[in-house]
Structure formats: C-alpha cells, structure tokens
Amino acid sequence: MLTEHLITSFISTAGFGIIFNVPRRTLLQCGFVGMAGWCVYIVLSINMGIDVIPATLAASFLVAVVSQLFARLYKVPIIVYSVAGIIPLVPGGVAYDAMRKMVENNYTLAIELTIKAFMLSGSIAIGLVFSEVVNQIIRKYQARARY
C-alpha cells in the first residue's frame, strides 16, 4: 500500500509541476519532494497513529527542508519545489466534504470538517514558515562561526 501512495504522490506532484510551468529539468525533483512529504504523512498518520494535523505539520516541514536543499543544489528558486511538493498535503477532500455537508443541511458536521480543513491548512503554513525560521537560524550561526 505504501508503494502505491508513493507512486501516486510522485505522479500528482510532477503533474502539478507541469501545470505550474516549472522547468522541465526540475520535474523529477518536484515529484520527489511531494513523494517525501506524503511518505512522512502516511507513515505518521496511518502507520504510527498520530493525528493528521501534527502529521501534516511534520510533512510540510520536510517538504520545505527538502525544497530548500534542492533549491541550493540545483540553483532554482525554492518556490518551484515547495509549491509543487505541498500539493499532496492540501486538504481538498476535507473541504469538499465540508461543502457537501453544508448543502445537505448537516451543519454540525460541516462546521467540524471546515475547522479541520482550516487546521490542516494552518499546519501546512506553519510547517513551511517554521522550516524557513530554522534555516535562517542555521545560516546566522554559520555566518558567526566564519568570523
């Protein structure tokens, strides 16, 4: 089952890379970034039983870290990797279910799902920002160590 998840997350990330017009030479790296993030999410949420919100936070943090590494290594802007790589984690299904429950007049469940979608989106944003903060701290200490 994990192999199927990895393959489909790689394909979906690379596909969104094509939609976002990333350079062709970066499609494999984009696919790998999304696959790595989804792998962490699946392992934490399904295999280890951790709630989906912390699992999404950890996965988005990893996506941002790998995106930063690839951006330096391949001399490409970080956004090329981070935007495509975060796609598998976006809570589109939860948001769809929330809207469907709203239309079906099941407001209690609709509100629960809406809150969950917002929390998942927030955990993605926090993971991306936290990775950048850690990166800046590391750079700051590396610059001090040189002098």
C-alpha atoms as a PDB file:
ATOM      1  CA  MET A   1       0.000   0.000   0.000  1.00  0.00           C
ATOM      2  CA  LEU A   2       2.842   2.416   0.790  1.00  0.00           C
ATOM      3  CA  THR A   3       4.333   1.841  -2.659  1.00  0.00           C
ATOM      4  CA  GLU A   4       1.052   2.845  -4.305  1.00  0.00           C
ATOM      5  CA  HIS A   5       0.927   6.006  -2.192  1.00  0.00           C
ATOM      6  CA  LEU A   6       4.494   6.904  -3.120  1.00  0.00           C
ATOM      7  CA  ILE A   7       3.948   6.369  -6.840  1.00  0.00           C
ATOM      8  CA  THR A   8       0.693   8.324  -6.987  1.00  0.00           C
ATOM      9  CA  SER A   9       2.063  11.191  -4.878  1.00  0.00           C
ATOM     10  CA  PHE A  10       5.106  11.396  -7.160  1.00  0.00           C
ATOM     11  CA  ILE A  11       2.925  11.485 -10.273  1.00  0.00           C
ATOM     12  CA  SER A  12       0.494  14.029  -8.834  1.00  0.00           C
ATOM     13  CA  THR A  13       3.294  16.328  -7.711  1.00  0.00           C
ATOM     14  CA  ALA A  14       5.085  16.129 -11.039  1.00  0.00           C
ATOM     15  CA  GLY A  15       1.744  16.678 -12.795  1.00  0.00           C
ATOM     16  CA  PHE A  16       1.104  19.831 -10.826  1.00  0.00           C
ATOM     17  CA  GLY A  17       4.662  20.870 -11.627  1.00  0.00           C
ATOM     18  CA  ILE A  18       3.709  20.672 -15.293  1.00  0.00           C
ATOM     19  CA  ILE A  19       0.558  22.718 -14.643  1.00  0.00           C
ATOM     20  CA  PHE A  20       2.616  25.336 -12.761  1.00  0.00           C
ATOM     21  CA  ASN A  21       5.121  25.510 -15.653  1.00  0.00           C
ATOM     22  CA  VAL A  22       8.170  24.537 -13.628  1.00  0.00           C
ATOM     23  CA  PRO A  23      11.334  23.976 -15.659  1.00  0.00           C
ATOM     24  CA  ARG A  24      11.344  20.507 -17.192  1.00  0.00           C
ATOM     25  CA  ARG A  25      14.663  19.649 -15.613  1.00  0.00           C
ATOM     26  CA  THR A  26      13.100  20.041 -12.145  1.00  0.00           C
ATOM     27  CA  LEU A  27      10.089  17.740 -12.597  1.00  0.00           C
ATOM     28  CA  LEU A  28      11.782  14.702 -11.073  1.00  0.00           C
ATOM     29  CA  GLN A  29      12.939  16.706  -8.058  1.00  0.00           C
ATOM     30  CA  CYS A  30       9.452  18.197  -7.643  1.00  0.00           C
ATOM     31  CA  GLY A  31       7.983  14.710  -7.707  1.00  0.00           C
ATOM     32  CA  PHE A  32      10.478  13.541  -5.121  1.00  0.00           C
ATOM     33  CA  VAL A  33       9.683  16.461  -2.792  1.00  0.00           C
ATOM     34  CA  GLY A  34       5.965  15.716  -2.901  1.00  0.00           C
ATOM     35  CA  MET A  35       6.579  11.995  -2.509  1.00  0.00           C
ATOM     36  CA  ALA A  36       8.797  12.548   0.548  1.00  0.00           C
ATOM     37  CA  GLY A  37       6.211  14.768   2.207  1.00  0.00           C
ATOM     38  CA  TRP A  38       3.396  12.329   1.518  1.00  0.00           C
ATOM     39  CA  CYS A  39       5.505   9.420   2.781  1.00  0.00           C
ATOM     40  CA  VAL A  40       6.052  11.188   6.110  1.00  0.00           C
ATOM     41  CA  TYR A  41       2.347  11.991   6.315  1.00  0.00           C
ATOM     42  CA  ILE A  42       1.291   8.385   5.633  1.00  0.00           C
ATOM     43  CA  VAL A  43       3.832   6.859   7.998  1.00  0.00           C
ATOM     44  CA  LEU A  44       2.920   9.222  10.832  1.00  0.00           C
ATOM     45  CA  SER A  45      -0.845   9.253  10.396  1.00  0.00           C
ATOM     46  CA  ILE A  46      -1.624   5.683   9.344  1.00  0.00           C
ATOM     47  CA  ASN A  47       1.283   3.539  10.498  1.00  0.00           C
ATOM     48  CA  MET A  48       2.054   5.333  13.768  1.00  0.00           C
ATOM     49  CA  GLY A  49      -1.473   6.502  14.555  1.00  0.00           C
ATOM     50  CA  ILE A  50      -0.583  10.183  15.016  1.00  0.00           C
ATOM     51  CA  ASP A  51      -3.376  12.683  14.368  1.00  0.00           C
ATOM     52  CA  VAL A  52      -3.477  14.102  10.841  1.00  0.00           C
ATOM     53  CA  ILE A  53      -2.755  17.688  11.921  1.00  0.00           C
ATOM     54  CA  PRO A  54       0.681  17.028  13.501  1.00  0.00           C
ATOM     55  CA  ALA A  55       1.418  14.590  10.661  1.00  0.00           C
ATOM     56  CA  THR A  56       0.645  17.322   8.132  1.00  0.00           C
ATOM     57  CA  LEU A  57       2.830  19.766  10.067  1.00  0.00           C
ATOM     58  CA  ALA A  58       5.769  17.352  10.027  1.00  0.00           C
ATOM     59  CA  ALA A  59       5.257  16.540   6.346  1.00  0.00           C
ATOM     60  CA  SER A  60       5.082  20.201   5.303  1.00  0.00           C
ATOM     61  CA  PHE A  61       8.216  20.916   7.354  1.00  0.00           C
ATOM     62  CA  LEU A  62      10.018  18.135   5.487  1.00  0.00           C
ATOM     63  CA  VAL A  63       8.744  19.435   2.146  1.00  0.00           C
ATOM     64  CA  ALA A  64      10.153  22.869   2.936  1.00  0.00           C
ATOM     65  CA  VAL A  65      13.513  21.490   4.109  1.00  0.00           C
ATOM     66  CA  VAL A  66      13.957  19.299   1.032  1.00  0.00           C
ATOM     67  CA  SER A  67      12.815  22.207  -1.165  1.00  0.00           C
ATOM     68  CA  GLN A  68      15.489  24.425   0.360  1.00  0.00           C
ATOM     69  CA  LEU A  69      18.150  21.794  -0.198  1.00  0.00           C
ATOM     70  CA  PHE A  70      17.112  21.210  -3.806  1.00  0.00           C
ATOM     71  CA  ALA A  71      16.898  24.946  -4.454  1.00  0.00           C
ATOM     72  CA  ARG A  72      20.521  25.371  -3.397  1.00  0.00           C
ATOM     73  CA  LEU A  73      21.716  22.220  -5.101  1.00  0.00           C
ATOM     74  CA  TYR A  74      20.054  22.872  -8.475  1.00  0.00           C
ATOM     75  CA  LYS A  75      20.155  26.703  -8.319  1.00  0.00           C
ATOM     76  CA  VAL A  76      16.399  27.104  -8.766  1.00  0.00           C
ATOM     77  CA  PRO A  77      14.036  29.275  -6.686  1.00  0.00           C
ATOM     78  CA  ILE A  78      12.666  27.425  -3.657  1.00  0.00           C
ATOM     79  CA  ILE A  79       9.068  28.098  -4.658  1.00  0.00           C
ATOM     80  CA  VAL A  80       9.444  25.756  -7.650  1.00  0.00           C
ATOM     81  CA  TYR A  81       9.814  22.818  -5.280  1.00  0.00           C
ATOM     82  CA  SER A  82       7.738  23.907  -2.295  1.00  0.00           C
ATOM     83  CA  VAL A  83       4.542  24.765  -4.176  1.00  0.00           C
ATOM     84  CA  ALA A  84       4.536  21.581  -6.210  1.00  0.00           C
ATOM     85  CA  GLY A  85       5.676  19.491  -3.251  1.00  0.00           C
ATOM     86  CA  ILE A  86       2.931  20.651  -0.921  1.00  0.00           C
ATOM     87  CA  ILE A  87       0.114  19.671  -3.309  1.00  0.00           C
ATOM     88  CA  PRO A  88      -0.440  16.131  -1.944  1.00  0.00           C
ATOM     89  CA  LEU A  89      -0.979  17.562   1.547  1.00  0.00           C
ATOM     90  CA  VAL A  90      -3.626  20.118   0.597  1.00  0.00           C
ATOM     91  CA  PRO A  91      -6.936  19.199   2.311  1.00  0.00           C
ATOM     92  CA  GLY A  92      -9.133  19.431  -0.772  1.00  0.00           C
ATOM     93  CA  GLY A  93     -11.143  16.329   0.054  1.00  0.00           C
ATOM     94  CA  VAL A  94     -11.954  17.599   3.539  1.00  0.00           C
ATOM     95  CA  ALA A  95     -13.023  20.984   2.160  1.00  0.00           C
ATOM     96  CA  TYR A  96     -15.207  19.257  -0.435  1.00  0.00           C
ATOM     97  CA  ASP A  97     -16.845  17.106   2.239  1.00  0.00           C
ATOM     98  CA  ALA A  98     -17.476  20.212   4.354  1.00  0.00           C
ATOM     99  CA  MET A  99     -19.246  21.948   1.491  1.00  0.00           C
ATOM    100  CA  ARG A 100     -21.230  18.809   0.676  1.00  0.00           C
ATOM    101  CA  LYS A 101     -22.406  18.513   4.280  1.00  0.00           C
ATOM    102  CA  MET A 102     -23.378  22.186   4.220  1.00  0.00           C
ATOM    103  CA  VAL A 103     -25.519  21.642   1.115  1.00  0.00           C
ATOM    104  CA  GLU A 104     -27.078  18.561   2.732  1.00  0.00           C
ATOM    105  CA  ASN A 105     -28.067  20.743   5.745  1.00  0.00           C
ATOM    106  CA  ASN A 106     -25.819  18.776   8.087  1.00  0.00           C
ATOM    107  CA  TYR A 107     -24.375  21.928   9.639  1.00  0.00           C
ATOM    108  CA  THR A 108     -22.762  20.347  12.680  1.00  0.00           C
ATOM    109  CA  LEU A 109     -20.600  18.015  10.615  1.00  0.00           C
ATOM    110  CA  ALA A 110     -19.997  20.770   8.052  1.00  0.00           C
ATOM    111  CA  ILE A 111     -18.554  23.033  10.747  1.00  0.00           C
ATOM    112  CA  GLU A 112     -16.376  20.223  12.108  1.00  0.00           C
ATOM    113  CA  LEU A 113     -14.987  19.474   8.657  1.00  0.00           C
ATOM    114  CA  THR A 114     -14.457  23.169   7.913  1.00  0.00           C
ATOM    115  CA  ILE A 115     -12.480  23.598  11.117  1.00  0.00           C
ATOM    116  CA  LYS A 116     -10.438  20.511  10.280  1.00  0.00           C
ATOM    117  CA  ALA A 117      -9.683  21.880   6.792  1.00  0.00           C
ATOM    118  CA  PHE A 118      -8.584  25.210   8.300  1.00  0.00           C
ATOM    119  CA  MET A 119      -6.403  23.455  10.852  1.00  0.00           C
ATOM    120  CA  LEU A 120      -4.781  21.320   8.156  1.00  0.00           C
ATOM    121  CA  SER A 121      -4.165  24.400   6.030  1.00  0.00           C
ATOM    122  CA  GLY A 122      -2.715  26.193   9.025  1.00  0.00           C
ATOM    123  CA  SER A 123      -0.415  23.293   9.823  1.00  0.00           C
ATOM    124  CA  ILE A 124       0.877  23.394   6.250  1.00  0.00           C
ATOM    125  CA  ALA A 125       1.593  27.116   6.553  1.00  0.00           C
ATOM    126  CA  ILE A 126       3.229  26.732   9.964  1.00  0.00           C
ATOM    127  CA  GLY A 127       5.423  23.880   8.716  1.00  0.00           C
ATOM    128  CA  LEU A 128       6.639  25.949   5.763  1.00  0.00           C
ATOM    129  CA  VAL A 129       7.315  29.017   7.928  1.00  0.00           C
ATOM    130  CA  PHE A 130       8.969  27.022  10.712  1.00  0.00           C
ATOM    131  CA  SER A 131      11.360  25.462   8.214  1.00  0.00           C
ATOM    132  CA  GLU A 132      12.354  28.905   6.959  1.00  0.00           C
ATOM    133  CA  VAL A 133      12.911  30.122  10.521  1.00  0.00           C
ATOM    134  CA  VAL A 134      15.148  27.140  11.281  1.00  0.00           C
ATOM    135  CA  ASN A 135      17.023  27.754   8.027  1.00  0.00           C
ATOM    136  CA  GLN A 136      17.617  31.412   8.920  1.00  0.00           C
ATOM    137  CA  ILE A 137      18.874  30.487  12.400  1.00  0.00           C
ATOM    138  CA  ILE A 138      21.295  27.953  10.938  1.00  0.00           C
ATOM    139  CA  ARG A 139      22.579  30.497   8.417  1.00  0.00           C
ATOM    140  CA  LYS A 140      23.013  33.072  11.163  1.00  0.00           C
ATOM    141  CA  TYR A 141      25.128  30.733  13.279  1.00  0.00           C
ATOM    142  CA  GLN A 142      27.149  29.600  10.264  1.00  0.00           C
ATOM    143  CA  ALA A 143      27.913  33.236   9.434  1.00  0.00           C
ATOM    144  CA  ARG A 144      29.026  33.886  13.022  1.00  0.00           C
ATOM    145  CA  ALA A 145      31.214  30.776  13.002  1.00  0.00           C
ATOM    146  CA  ARG A 146      33.110  32.060   9.948  1.00  0.00           C
ATOM    147  CA  TYR A 147      34.191  35.247  11.705  1.00  0.00           C
END
